[in-house]
Amino acid sequence: MNDTPEQRGFVFPGTLEISVMGAADVGLDVLILKTLEAMSITAHPETLRIKPSAKGNYVSVTVSFDARNREEYDVAHDALRQLPEVKWTL
């Protein structure tokens, strides 16, 4: 099977979304934007969505960002996963 990025829904360069899950009390939204900015990755704060967990202990934060290629997309995920406040990315 020929599994290209386009067949998986990735088109580069493009604007993609990243979702991050972490504790509700750490300002995850600001942390994500600052981390992407520090990597010279353009995030779109106007697309930011925050969804609290059922008990309110965790939040899922989703934001769109520009990725020039697959490597930049992977680097964004890796950098956010390295943050101690982040439980996982999607």
PDB file of N, CA and C in Angstrom:
ATOM      1  N   MET A   1       0.845  -1.187   0.000  1.00  0.00           N
ATOM      2  CA  MET A   1       0.000   0.000   0.000  1.00  0.00           C
ATOM      3  C   MET A   1       0.886   1.245   0.000  1.00  0.00           C
ATOM      4  N   ASN A   2       0.578   2.186  -0.847  1.00  0.00           N
ATOM      5  CA  ASN A   2       1.311   3.437  -0.937  1.00  0.00           C
ATOM      6  C   ASN A   2       0.710   4.419   0.059  1.00  0.00           C
ATOM      7  N   ASP A   3       1.396   4.670   1.165  1.00  0.00           N
ATOM      8  CA  ASP A   3       0.875   5.499   2.252  1.00  0.00           C
ATOM      9  C   ASP A   3       1.629   6.822   2.282  1.00  0.00           C
ATOM     10  N   THR A   4       1.168   7.790   1.496  1.00  0.00           N
ATOM     11  CA  THR A   4       1.818   9.099   1.440  1.00  0.00           C
ATOM     12  C   THR A   4       1.209  10.019   2.488  1.00  0.00           C
ATOM     13  N   PRO A   5       1.902  11.109   2.856  1.00  0.00           N
ATOM     14  CA  PRO A   5       1.334  12.056   3.814  1.00  0.00           C
ATOM     15  C   PRO A   5      -0.026  12.580   3.374  1.00  0.00           C
ATOM     16  N   GLU A   6      -0.214  12.815   2.084  1.00  0.00           N
ATOM     17  CA  GLU A   6      -1.494  13.317   1.592  1.00  0.00           C
ATOM     18  C   GLU A   6      -2.621  12.319   1.866  1.00  0.00           C
ATOM     19  N   GLN A   7      -2.329  11.029   1.772  1.00  0.00           N
ATOM     20  CA  GLN A   7      -3.346  10.019   2.029  1.00  0.00           C
ATOM     21  C   GLN A   7      -3.695   9.944   3.513  1.00  0.00           C
ATOM     22  N   ARG A   8      -2.800  10.381   4.374  1.00  0.00           N
ATOM     23  CA  ARG A   8      -3.072  10.390   5.810  1.00  0.00           C
ATOM     24  C   ARG A   8      -3.679  11.715   6.248  1.00  0.00           C
ATOM     25  N   GLY A   9      -3.925  12.645   5.329  1.00  0.00           N
ATOM     26  CA  GLY A   9      -4.527  13.917   5.658  1.00  0.00           C
ATOM     27  C   GLY A   9      -3.539  15.042   5.897  1.00  0.00           C
ATOM     28  N   PHE A  10      -2.243  14.794   5.734  1.00  0.00           N
ATOM     29  CA  PHE A  10      -1.233  15.831   5.904  1.00  0.00           C
ATOM     30  C   PHE A  10      -0.866  16.413   4.548  1.00  0.00           C
ATOM     31  N   VAL A  11      -0.881  17.730   4.449  1.00  0.00           N
ATOM     32  CA  VAL A  11      -0.436  18.411   3.257  1.00  0.00           C
ATOM     33  C   VAL A  11       0.529  19.499   3.700  1.00  0.00           C
ATOM     34  N   PHE A  12       1.743  19.460   3.160  1.00  0.00           N
ATOM     35  CA  PHE A  12       2.767  20.422   3.540  1.00  0.00           C
ATOM     36  C   PHE A  12       3.171  21.241   2.323  1.00  0.00           C
ATOM     37  N   PRO A  13       3.452  22.523   2.531  1.00  0.00           N
ATOM     38  CA  PRO A  13       3.242  23.260   3.768  1.00  0.00           C
ATOM     39  C   PRO A  13       1.752  23.408   4.026  1.00  0.00           C
ATOM     40  N   GLY A  14       1.409  23.586   5.291  1.00  0.00           N
ATOM     41  CA  GLY A  14       0.004  23.718   5.633  1.00  0.00           C
ATOM     42  C   GLY A  14      -0.213  24.138   7.068  1.00  0.00           C
ATOM     43  N   THR A  15      -1.466  24.406   7.379  1.00  0.00           N
ATOM     44  CA  THR A  15      -1.870  24.739   8.733  1.00  0.00           C
ATOM     45  C   THR A  15      -2.520  23.501   9.330  1.00  0.00           C
ATOM     46  N   LEU A  16      -1.957  23.025  10.429  1.00  0.00           N
ATOM     47  CA  LEU A  16      -2.412  21.800  11.076  1.00  0.00           C
ATOM     48  C   LEU A  16      -2.773  22.094  12.525  1.00  0.00           C
ATOM     49  N   GLU A  17      -3.428  21.160  13.168  1.00  0.00           N
ATOM     50  CA  GLU A  17      -3.783  21.313  14.575  1.00  0.00           C
ATOM     51  C   GLU A  17      -2.941  20.389  15.440  1.00  0.00           C
ATOM     52  N   ILE A  18      -2.728  20.840  16.660  1.00  0.00           N
ATOM     53  CA  ILE A  18      -2.093  20.013  17.668  1.00  0.00           C
ATOM     54  C   ILE A  18      -2.940  20.126  18.927  1.00  0.00           C
ATOM     55  N   SER A  19      -3.174  18.992  19.579  1.00  0.00           N
ATOM     56  CA  SER A  19      -3.906  18.962  20.842  1.00  0.00           C
ATOM     57  C   SER A  19      -2.967  18.466  21.927  1.00  0.00           C
ATOM     58  N   VAL A  20      -3.041  19.122  23.061  1.00  0.00           N
ATOM     59  CA  VAL A  20      -2.175  18.805  24.189  1.00  0.00           C
ATOM     60  C   VAL A  20      -3.045  18.614  25.424  1.00  0.00           C
ATOM     61  N   MET A  21      -2.756  17.583  26.195  1.00  0.00           N
ATOM     62  CA  MET A  21      -3.491  17.308  27.432  1.00  0.00           C
ATOM     63  C   MET A  21      -2.542  17.492  28.608  1.00  0.00           C
ATOM     64  N   GLY A  22      -3.043  18.175  29.647  1.00  0.00           N
ATOM     65  CA  GLY A  22      -2.236  18.378  30.848  1.00  0.00           C
ATOM     66  C   GLY A  22      -3.095  18.869  31.993  1.00  0.00           C
ATOM     67  N   ALA A  23      -2.452  19.144  33.112  1.00  0.00           N
ATOM     68  CA  ALA A  23      -3.161  19.613  34.297  1.00  0.00           C
ATOM     69  C   ALA A  23      -3.845  20.953  34.015  1.00  0.00           C
ATOM     70  N   ALA A  24      -4.997  21.142  34.628  1.00  0.00           N
ATOM     71  CA  ALA A  24      -5.798  22.340  34.385  1.00  0.00           C
ATOM     72  C   ALA A  24      -5.207  23.598  35.006  1.00  0.00           C
ATOM     73  N   ASP A  25      -4.329  23.450  35.970  1.00  0.00           N
ATOM     74  CA  ASP A  25      -3.866  24.612  36.729  1.00  0.00           C
ATOM     75  C   ASP A  25      -2.478  25.119  36.340  1.00  0.00           C
ATOM     76  N   VAL A  26      -1.974  24.760  35.166  1.00  0.00           N
ATOM     77  CA  VAL A  26      -0.609  25.152  34.807  1.00  0.00           C
ATOM     78  C   VAL A  26      -0.537  26.169  33.667  1.00  0.00           C
ATOM     79  N   GLY A  27      -1.664  26.658  33.175  1.00  0.00           N
ATOM     80  CA  GLY A  27      -1.632  27.607  32.070  1.00  0.00           C
ATOM     81  C   GLY A  27      -1.115  26.985  30.785  1.00  0.00           C
ATOM     82  N   LEU A  28      -1.628  25.815  30.491  1.00  0.00           N
ATOM     83  CA  LEU A  28      -1.166  25.046  29.335  1.00  0.00           C
ATOM     84  C   LEU A  28      -1.319  25.813  28.023  1.00  0.00           C
ATOM     85  N   ASP A  29      -2.366  26.595  27.894  1.00  0.00           N
ATOM     86  CA  ASP A  29      -2.573  27.354  26.659  1.00  0.00           C
ATOM     87  C   ASP A  29      -1.418  28.319  26.402  1.00  0.00           C
ATOM     88  N   VAL A  30      -1.007  29.059  27.406  1.00  0.00           N
ATOM     89  CA  VAL A  30       0.103  30.003  27.265  1.00  0.00           C
ATOM     90  C   VAL A  30       1.411  29.251  27.026  1.00  0.00           C
ATOM     91  N   LEU A  31       1.606  28.164  27.728  1.00  0.00           N
ATOM     92  CA  LEU A  31       2.824  27.368  27.601  1.00  0.00           C
ATOM     93  C   LEU A  31       2.986  26.825  26.173  1.00  0.00           C
ATOM     94  N   ILE A  32       1.918  26.355  25.588  1.00  0.00           N
ATOM     95  CA  ILE A  32       1.961  25.831  24.222  1.00  0.00           C
ATOM     96  C   ILE A  32       2.359  26.933  23.247  1.00  0.00           C
ATOM     97  N   LEU A  33       1.689  28.080  23.349  1.00  0.00           N
ATOM     98  CA  LEU A  33       1.979  29.178  22.428  1.00  0.00           C
ATOM     99  C   LEU A  33       3.418  29.656  22.564  1.00  0.00           C
ATOM    100  N   LYS A  34       3.907  29.775  23.789  1.00  0.00           N
ATOM    101  CA  LYS A  34       5.286  30.224  24.011  1.00  0.00           C
ATOM    102  C   LYS A  34       6.293  29.208  23.486  1.00  0.00           C
ATOM    103  N   THR A  35       6.005  27.934  23.668  1.00  0.00           N
ATOM    104  CA  THR A  35       6.917  26.888  23.200  1.00  0.00           C
ATOM    105  C   THR A  35       7.012  26.888  21.683  1.00  0.00           C
ATOM    106  N   LEU A  36       5.882  26.972  21.006  1.00  0.00           N
ATOM    107  CA  LEU A  36       5.897  27.004  19.540  1.00  0.00           C
ATOM    108  C   LEU A  36       6.592  28.264  19.038  1.00  0.00           C
ATOM    109  N   GLU A  37       6.313  29.388  19.677  1.00  0.00           N
ATOM    110  CA  GLU A  37       6.948  30.647  19.281  1.00  0.00           C
ATOM    111  C   GLU A  37       8.473  30.568  19.441  1.00  0.00           C
ATOM    112  N   ALA A  38       8.924  29.968  20.530  1.00  0.00           N
ATOM    113  CA  ALA A  38      10.366  29.840  20.771  1.00  0.00           C
ATOM    114  C   ALA A  38      11.039  28.992  19.701  1.00  0.00           C
ATOM    115  N   MET A  39      10.268  28.143  19.044  1.00  0.00           N
ATOM    116  CA  MET A  39      10.796  27.290  17.976  1.00  0.00           C
ATOM    117  C   MET A  39      10.612  27.920  16.600  1.00  0.00           C
ATOM    118  N   SER A  40      10.153  29.168  16.567  1.00  0.00           N
ATOM    119  CA  SER A  40       9.864  29.889  15.320  1.00  0.00           C
ATOM    120  C   SER A  40       8.792  29.203  14.494  1.00  0.00           C
ATOM    121  N   ILE A  41       7.850  28.585  15.184  1.00  0.00           N
ATOM    122  CA  ILE A  41       6.695  27.972  14.528  1.00  0.00           C
ATOM    123  C   ILE A  41       5.513  28.911  14.744  1.00  0.00           C
ATOM    124  N   THR A  42       4.841  29.269  13.664  1.00  0.00           N
ATOM    125  CA  THR A  42       3.729  30.199  13.734  1.00  0.00           C
ATOM    126  C   THR A  42       2.469  29.489  14.205  1.00  0.00           C
ATOM    127  N   ALA A  43       2.024  29.856  15.401  1.00  0.00           N
ATOM    128  CA  ALA A  43       0.763  29.348  15.940  1.00  0.00           C
ATOM    129  C   ALA A  43      -0.308  30.398  15.688  1.00  0.00           C
ATOM    130  N   HIS A  44      -1.552  29.971  15.710  1.00  0.00           N
ATOM    131  CA  HIS A  44      -2.691  30.862  15.477  1.00  0.00           C
ATOM    132  C   HIS A  44      -3.544  30.905  16.752  1.00  0.00           C
ATOM    133  N   PRO A  45      -3.221  31.842  17.669  1.00  0.00           N
ATOM    134  CA  PRO A  45      -3.916  31.886  18.955  1.00  0.00           C
ATOM    135  C   PRO A  45      -5.433  32.046  18.841  1.00  0.00           C
ATOM    136  N   GLU A  46      -5.893  32.630  17.747  1.00  0.00           N
ATOM    137  CA  GLU A  46      -7.339  32.810  17.568  1.00  0.00           C
ATOM    138  C   GLU A  46      -8.064  31.478  17.388  1.00  0.00           C
ATOM    139  N   THR A  47      -7.326  30.404  17.111  1.00  0.00           N
ATOM    140  CA  THR A  47      -7.940  29.086  16.933  1.00  0.00           C
ATOM    141  C   THR A  47      -7.913  28.255  18.215  1.00  0.00           C
ATOM    142  N   LEU A  48      -7.332  28.808  19.264  1.00  0.00           N
ATOM    143  CA  LEU A  48      -7.154  28.078  20.524  1.00  0.00           C
ATOM    144  C   LEU A  48      -8.501  27.631  21.099  1.00  0.00           C
ATOM    145  N   ARG A  49      -8.570  26.344  21.445  1.00  0.00           N
ATOM    146  CA  ARG A  49      -9.770  25.786  22.094  1.00  0.00           C
ATOM    147  C   ARG A  49      -9.326  25.050  23.348  1.00  0.00           C
ATOM    148  N   ILE A  50     -10.042  25.256  24.425  1.00  0.00           N
ATOM    149  CA  ILE A  50      -9.727  24.594  25.691  1.00  0.00           C
ATOM    150  C   ILE A  50     -10.958  23.813  26.132  1.00  0.00           C
ATOM    151  N   LYS A  51     -10.730  22.527  26.439  1.00  0.00           N
ATOM    152  CA  LYS A  51     -11.832  21.675  26.888  1.00  0.00           C
ATOM    153  C   LYS A  51     -11.422  21.021  28.203  1.00  0.00           C
ATOM    154  N   PRO A  52     -12.132  21.334  29.288  1.00  0.00           N
ATOM    155  CA  PRO A  52     -11.792  20.723  30.577  1.00  0.00           C
ATOM    156  C   PRO A  52     -12.273  19.268  30.647  1.00  0.00           C
ATOM    157  N   SER A  53     -11.588  18.473  31.469  1.00  0.00           N
ATOM    158  CA  SER A  53     -12.014  17.094  31.700  1.00  0.00           C
ATOM    159  C   SER A  53     -13.286  17.103  32.542  1.00  0.00           C
ATOM    160  N   ALA A  54     -13.910  15.959  32.673  1.00  0.00           N
ATOM    161  CA  ALA A  54     -15.172  15.849  33.411  1.00  0.00           C
ATOM    162  C   ALA A  54     -15.049  16.350  34.849  1.00  0.00           C
ATOM    163  N   LYS A  55     -13.947  16.051  35.501  1.00  0.00           N
ATOM    164  CA  LYS A  55     -13.751  16.487  36.889  1.00  0.00           C
ATOM    165  C   LYS A  55     -13.006  17.807  36.994  1.00  0.00           C
ATOM    166  N   GLY A  56     -12.547  18.349  35.869  1.00  0.00           N
ATOM    167  CA  GLY A  56     -11.875  19.634  35.867  1.00  0.00           C
ATOM    168  C   GLY A  56     -10.414  19.613  36.273  1.00  0.00           C
ATOM    169  N   ASN A  57      -9.842  18.424  36.446  1.00  0.00           N
ATOM    170  CA  ASN A  57      -8.438  18.327  36.836  1.00  0.00           C
ATOM    171  C   ASN A  57      -7.482  18.512  35.652  1.00  0.00           C
ATOM    172  N   TYR A  58      -7.946  18.209  34.457  1.00  0.00           N
ATOM    173  CA  TYR A  58      -7.129  18.277  33.261  1.00  0.00           C
ATOM    174  C   TYR A  58      -7.829  19.112  32.200  1.00  0.00           C
ATOM    175  N   VAL A  59      -7.050  19.582  31.232  1.00  0.00           N
ATOM    176  CA  VAL A  59      -7.606  20.277  30.081  1.00  0.00           C
ATOM    177  C   VAL A  59      -6.964  19.732  28.819  1.00  0.00           C
ATOM    178  N   SER A  60      -7.725  19.805  27.749  1.00  0.00           N
ATOM    179  CA  SER A  60      -7.210  19.541  26.424  1.00  0.00           C
ATOM    180  C   SER A  60      -7.172  20.890  25.717  1.00  0.00           C
ATOM    181  N   VAL A  61      -6.011  21.245  25.202  1.00  0.00           N
ATOM    182  CA  VAL A  61      -5.838  22.512  24.496  1.00  0.00           C
ATOM    183  C   VAL A  61      -5.481  22.191  23.053  1.00  0.00           C
ATOM    184  N   THR A  62      -6.224  22.771  22.128  1.00  0.00           N
ATOM    185  CA  THR A  62      -5.989  22.561  20.703  1.00  0.00           C
ATOM    186  C   THR A  62      -5.710  23.906  20.059  1.00  0.00           C
ATOM    187  N   VAL A  63      -4.708  23.941  19.191  1.00  0.00           N
ATOM    188  CA  VAL A  63      -4.375  25.168  18.467  1.00  0.00           C
ATOM    189  C   VAL A  63      -3.860  24.800  17.079  1.00  0.00           C
ATOM    190  N   SER A  64      -4.108  25.666  16.115  1.00  0.00           N
ATOM    191  CA  SER A  64      -3.582  25.489  14.761  1.00  0.00           C
ATOM    192  C   SER A  64      -2.205  26.130  14.668  1.00  0.00           C
ATOM    193  N   PHE A  65      -1.364  25.537  13.832  1.00  0.00           N
ATOM    194  CA  PHE A  65      -0.037  26.096  13.592  1.00  0.00           C
ATOM    195  C   PHE A  65       0.399  25.771  12.175  1.00  0.00           C
ATOM    196  N   ASP A  66       1.343  26.560  11.677  1.00  0.00           N
ATOM    197  CA  ASP A  66       1.850  26.354  10.323  1.00  0.00           C
ATOM    198  C   ASP A  66       3.053  25.424  10.364  1.00  0.00           C
ATOM    199  N   ALA A  67       3.028  24.431   9.505  1.00  0.00           N
ATOM    200  CA  ALA A  67       4.158  23.499   9.371  1.00  0.00           C
ATOM    201  C   ALA A  67       4.607  23.497   7.918  1.00  0.00           C
ATOM    202  N   ARG A  68       5.887  23.779   7.725  1.00  0.00           N
ATOM    203  CA  ARG A  68       6.434  23.804   6.367  1.00  0.00           C
ATOM    204  C   ARG A  68       6.630  22.404   5.810  1.00  0.00           C
ATOM    205  N   ASN A  69       6.844  21.437   6.709  1.00  0.00           N
ATOM    206  CA  ASN A  69       7.106  20.057   6.274  1.00  0.00           C
ATOM    207  C   ASN A  69       6.816  19.110   7.439  1.00  0.00           C
ATOM    208  N   ARG A  70       6.901  17.824   7.162  1.00  0.00           N
ATOM    209  CA  ARG A  70       6.609  16.811   8.180  1.00  0.00           C
ATOM    210  C   ARG A  70       7.575  16.903   9.359  1.00  0.00           C
ATOM    211  N   GLU A  71       8.818  17.211   9.080  1.00  0.00           N
ATOM    212  CA  GLU A  71       9.809  17.318  10.146  1.00  0.00           C
ATOM    213  C   GLU A  71       9.433  18.409  11.148  1.00  0.00           C
ATOM    214  N   GLU A  72       8.977  19.558  10.643  1.00  0.00           N
ATOM    215  CA  GLU A  72       8.573  20.643  11.541  1.00  0.00           C
ATOM    216  C   GLU A  72       7.350  20.239  12.367  1.00  0.00           C
ATOM    217  N   TYR A  73       6.428  19.522  11.758  1.00  0.00           N
ATOM    218  CA  TYR A  73       5.264  19.006  12.477  1.00  0.00           C
ATOM    219  C   TYR A  73       5.707  18.079  13.610  1.00  0.00           C
ATOM    220  N   ASP A  74       6.617  17.161  13.300  1.00  0.00           N
ATOM    221  CA  ASP A  74       7.113  16.218  14.311  1.00  0.00           C
ATOM    222  C   ASP A  74       7.895  16.927  15.411  1.00  0.00           C
ATOM    223  N   VAL A  75       8.680  17.934  15.055  1.00  0.00           N
ATOM    224  CA  VAL A  75       9.452  18.692  16.039  1.00  0.00           C
ATOM    225  C   VAL A  75       8.517  19.400  17.018  1.00  0.00           C
ATOM    226  N   ALA A  76       7.418  19.950  16.525  1.00  0.00           N
ATOM    227  CA  ALA A  76       6.450  20.622  17.403  1.00  0.00           C
ATOM    228  C   ALA A  76       5.887  19.633  18.420  1.00  0.00           C
ATOM    229  N   HIS A  77       5.489  18.465  17.958  1.00  0.00           N
ATOM    230  CA  HIS A  77       4.973  17.435  18.863  1.00  0.00           C
ATOM    231  C   HIS A  77       6.036  17.019  19.884  1.00  0.00           C
ATOM    232  N   ASP A  78       7.234  16.764  19.403  1.00  0.00           N
ATOM    233  CA  ASP A  78       8.308  16.323  20.298  1.00  0.00           C
ATOM    234  C   ASP A  78       8.617  17.361  21.362  1.00  0.00           C
ATOM    235  N   ALA A  79       8.692  18.624  20.967  1.00  0.00           N
ATOM    236  CA  ALA A  79       9.004  19.692  21.929  1.00  0.00           C
ATOM    237  C   ALA A  79       7.925  19.802  23.006  1.00  0.00           C
ATOM    238  N   LEU A  80       6.672  19.689  22.603  1.00  0.00           N
ATOM    239  CA  LEU A  80       5.587  19.783  23.586  1.00  0.00           C
ATOM    240  C   LEU A  80       5.548  18.550  24.485  1.00  0.00           C
ATOM    241  N   ARG A  81       5.845  17.392  23.944  1.00  0.00           N
ATOM    242  CA  ARG A  81       5.872  16.168  24.756  1.00  0.00           C
ATOM    243  C   ARG A  81       6.972  16.208  25.812  1.00  0.00           C
ATOM    244  N   GLN A  82       8.029  16.957  25.561  1.00  0.00           N
ATOM    245  CA  GLN A  82       9.137  17.060  26.507  1.00  0.00           C
ATOM    246  C   GLN A  82       8.802  17.924  27.722  1.00  0.00           C
ATOM    247  N   LEU A  83       7.767  18.728  27.625  1.00  0.00           N
ATOM    248  CA  LEU A  83       7.397  19.598  28.741  1.00  0.00           C
ATOM    249  C   LEU A  83       6.802  18.763  29.874  1.00  0.00           C
ATOM    250  N   PRO A  84       7.259  18.948  31.101  1.00  0.00           N
ATOM    251  CA  PRO A  84       6.740  18.148  32.219  1.00  0.00           C
ATOM    252  C   PRO A  84       5.246  18.359  32.474  1.00  0.00           C
ATOM    253  N   GLU A  85       4.713  19.497  32.053  1.00  0.00           N
ATOM    254  CA  GLU A  85       3.291  19.781  32.269  1.00  0.00           C
ATOM    255  C   GLU A  85       2.386  19.044  31.290  1.00  0.00           C
ATOM    256  N   VAL A  86       2.964  18.493  30.235  1.00  0.00           N
ATOM    257  CA  VAL A  86       2.191  17.848  29.171  1.00  0.00           C
ATOM    258  C   VAL A  86       2.116  16.344  29.409  1.00  0.00           C
ATOM    259  N   LYS A  87       0.901  15.817  29.408  1.00  0.00           N
ATOM    260  CA  LYS A  87       0.703  14.370  29.553  1.00  0.00           C
ATOM    261  C   LYS A  87       0.820  13.671  28.202  1.00  0.00           C
ATOM    262  N   TRP A  88       0.227  14.272  27.155  1.00  0.00           N
ATOM    263  CA  TRP A  88       0.317  13.716  25.803  1.00  0.00           C
ATOM    264  C   TRP A  88      -0.076  14.746  24.768  1.00  0.00           C
ATOM    265  N   THR A  89       0.290  14.483  23.513  1.00  0.00           N
ATOM    266  CA  THR A  89      -0.125  15.310  22.386  1.00  0.00           C
ATOM    267  C   THR A  89      -0.842  14.436  21.365  1.00  0.00           C
ATOM    268  N   LEU A  90      -1.627  15.075  20.563  1.00  0.00           N
ATOM    269  CA  LEU A  90      -2.368  14.373  19.520  1.00  0.00           C
ATOM    270  C   LEU A  90      -2.389  15.254  18.292  1.00  0.00           C
TER     271      LEU A  90
END
